[in-house]
């Protein structure tokens, strides 16, 4: 299996509901390092997994739409704990939609999987893997 990963970062504010979150129930900021990994069993006709520049641009657009915002105020996330795991899925699903729309080039039709990793810190991160 071949993979290519592109990276960006996400800066948000949010709070959580539930005693399990302790002090994170209060409004706080989070800065995530975001890795998007594209997967395919065989290279395309140009011997690539995906156009890295287009993949990075699409990731930047998706991340940029959420950055520097308080997610508690976003209607898409009303009543939702926007945990690291949850946000990894949101980013993966939004990126998958862009892939299916052709935004990362025609060679992307051979992609079979996508994983998004959000690094919450140097010691903790969460992944979400999905088929394409």
Protein backbone atom coordinates (compact mmCIF):
# COMPACT_ATOMS: atom_id res chain seq x y z
CA UNK A 1 0.00 0.00 0.00
CA UNK A 2 1.28 3.46 -0.92
CA UNK A 3 0.61 6.58 1.15
CA UNK A 4 1.28 10.29 0.92
CA UNK A 5 0.79 12.65 3.85
CA UNK A 6 0.31 16.42 3.81
CA UNK A 7 0.33 18.57 6.93
CA UNK A 8 -1.25 21.77 8.23
CA UNK A 9 -2.40 23.17 11.57
CA UNK A 10 -5.67 24.19 13.16
CA UNK A 11 -6.26 26.73 15.95
CA UNK A 12 -9.69 26.78 17.60
CA UNK A 13 -11.49 27.60 20.82
CA UNK A 14 -14.14 25.34 22.37
CA UNK A 15 -15.48 23.90 25.59
CA UNK A 16 -16.86 20.52 26.58
CA UNK A 17 -19.90 19.34 28.48
CA UNK A 18 -19.55 16.55 31.02
CA UNK A 19 -17.63 15.94 34.22
CA UNK A 20 -15.23 13.60 32.41
CA UNK A 21 -13.65 16.70 30.83
CA UNK A 22 -12.74 18.40 34.12
CA UNK A 23 -11.34 21.89 33.55
CA UNK A 24 -11.80 21.55 29.77
CA UNK A 25 -15.48 22.23 30.41
CA UNK A 26 -14.45 25.89 30.43
CA UNK A 27 -13.71 27.70 27.19
CA UNK A 28 -10.13 26.99 26.12
CA UNK A 29 -7.96 27.09 23.04
CA UNK A 30 -6.46 24.21 21.13
CA UNK A 31 -3.79 24.12 18.45
CA UNK A 32 -3.61 20.92 16.43
CA UNK A 33 -1.04 19.68 13.97
CA UNK A 34 -3.10 18.05 11.21
CA UNK A 35 -1.83 15.19 9.01
CA UNK A 36 -3.93 13.90 6.11
CA UNK A 37 -2.72 10.59 4.68
CA UNK A 38 -3.94 9.42 1.28
CA UNK A 39 -3.78 5.72 0.45
CA UNK A 40 -3.87 3.59 -2.69
CA UNK A 41 -2.70 0.07 -3.54
CA UNK A 42 -0.93 1.04 -6.78
CA UNK A 43 0.65 4.24 -8.07
CA UNK A 44 -1.17 6.07 -10.85
CA UNK A 45 0.13 6.49 -14.41
CA UNK A 46 2.48 9.26 -13.23
CA UNK A 47 3.82 7.08 -10.38
CA UNK A 48 2.19 9.17 -7.66
CA UNK A 49 -0.40 8.54 -4.96
CA UNK A 50 -1.99 11.99 -5.21
CA UNK A 51 -0.95 15.45 -6.36
CA UNK A 52 0.67 16.70 -3.13
CA UNK A 53 0.16 20.36 -3.97
CA UNK A 54 -3.57 19.94 -4.63
CA UNK A 55 -3.97 17.75 -1.54
CA UNK A 56 -2.21 20.34 0.63
CA UNK A 57 -4.34 23.16 -0.83
CA UNK A 58 -7.58 21.30 -0.13
CA UNK A 59 -6.50 20.47 3.42
CA UNK A 60 -5.56 24.12 3.96
CA UNK A 61 -8.99 25.25 2.78
CA UNK A 62 -10.83 22.84 5.05
CA UNK A 63 -8.66 23.65 8.07
CA UNK A 64 -8.80 27.36 7.31
CA UNK A 65 -12.60 27.33 7.41
CA UNK A 66 -12.47 26.22 11.07
CA UNK A 67 -9.36 28.05 12.26
CA UNK A 68 -9.46 31.01 14.64
CA UNK A 69 -13.08 30.29 15.55
CA UNK A 70 -14.96 29.33 18.67
CA UNK A 71 -16.54 26.01 17.67
CA UNK A 72 -19.12 26.41 20.44
CA UNK A 73 -20.66 29.15 18.28
CA UNK A 74 -20.72 27.11 15.05
CA UNK A 75 -24.25 25.85 14.25
CA UNK A 76 -22.75 22.71 12.65
CA UNK A 77 -21.45 21.68 16.07
CA UNK A 78 -24.35 22.79 18.29
CA UNK A 79 -24.67 20.47 21.27
CA UNK A 80 -21.57 18.48 20.28
CA UNK A 81 -18.35 17.94 22.20
CA UNK A 82 -15.79 18.83 19.54
CA UNK A 83 -13.15 16.43 20.85
CA UNK A 84 -9.93 15.69 19.01
CA UNK A 85 -11.40 12.40 17.79
CA UNK A 86 -14.58 14.08 16.57
CA UNK A 87 -12.66 16.81 14.74
CA UNK A 88 -10.44 14.21 13.02
CA UNK A 89 -13.60 12.67 11.55
CA UNK A 90 -15.02 16.05 10.53
CA UNK A 91 -11.83 16.95 8.68
CA UNK A 92 -11.60 13.51 7.04
CA UNK A 93 -15.21 13.59 5.87
CA UNK A 94 -14.86 17.11 4.47
CA UNK A 95 -11.64 16.17 2.70
CA UNK A 96 -13.23 12.99 1.31
CA UNK A 97 -16.03 15.11 -0.16
CA UNK A 98 -13.44 17.30 -1.89
CA UNK A 99 -11.67 14.21 -3.23
CA UNK A 100 -14.95 12.86 -4.63
CA UNK A 101 -15.63 16.28 -6.22
CA UNK A 102 -12.32 15.99 -8.12
CA UNK A 103 -10.56 18.80 -6.24
CA UNK A 104 -7.30 16.85 -5.83
CA UNK A 105 -7.08 15.88 -9.48
CA UNK A 106 -8.23 13.02 -11.71
CA UNK A 107 -5.57 10.65 -10.36
CA UNK A 108 -7.31 10.74 -6.99
CA UNK A 109 -10.01 8.41 -8.31
CA UNK A 110 -7.63 5.53 -7.51
CA UNK A 111 -7.43 6.45 -3.83
CA UNK A 112 -8.87 3.80 -1.54
CA UNK A 113 -8.41 5.31 1.91
CA UNK A 114 -7.85 8.47 3.87
CA UNK A 115 -6.65 9.01 7.43
CA UNK A 116 -6.60 12.26 9.36
CA UNK A 117 -4.45 12.59 12.47
CA UNK A 118 -4.81 15.50 14.88
CA UNK A 119 -1.85 15.96 17.19
CA UNK A 120 -3.18 17.62 20.32
CA UNK A 121 0.31 17.72 21.81
CA UNK A 122 3.65 15.99 21.46
CA UNK A 123 2.32 13.13 23.60
CA UNK A 124 -1.33 12.78 22.48
CA UNK A 125 -3.13 12.51 19.16
CA UNK A 126 -6.19 10.95 17.54
CA UNK A 127 -6.75 9.38 14.12
CA UNK A 128 -9.77 8.77 11.96
CA UNK A 129 -9.46 6.32 9.04
CA UNK A 130 -12.05 5.97 6.31
CA UNK A 131 -12.48 4.28 2.96
CA UNK A 132 -12.93 6.35 -0.17
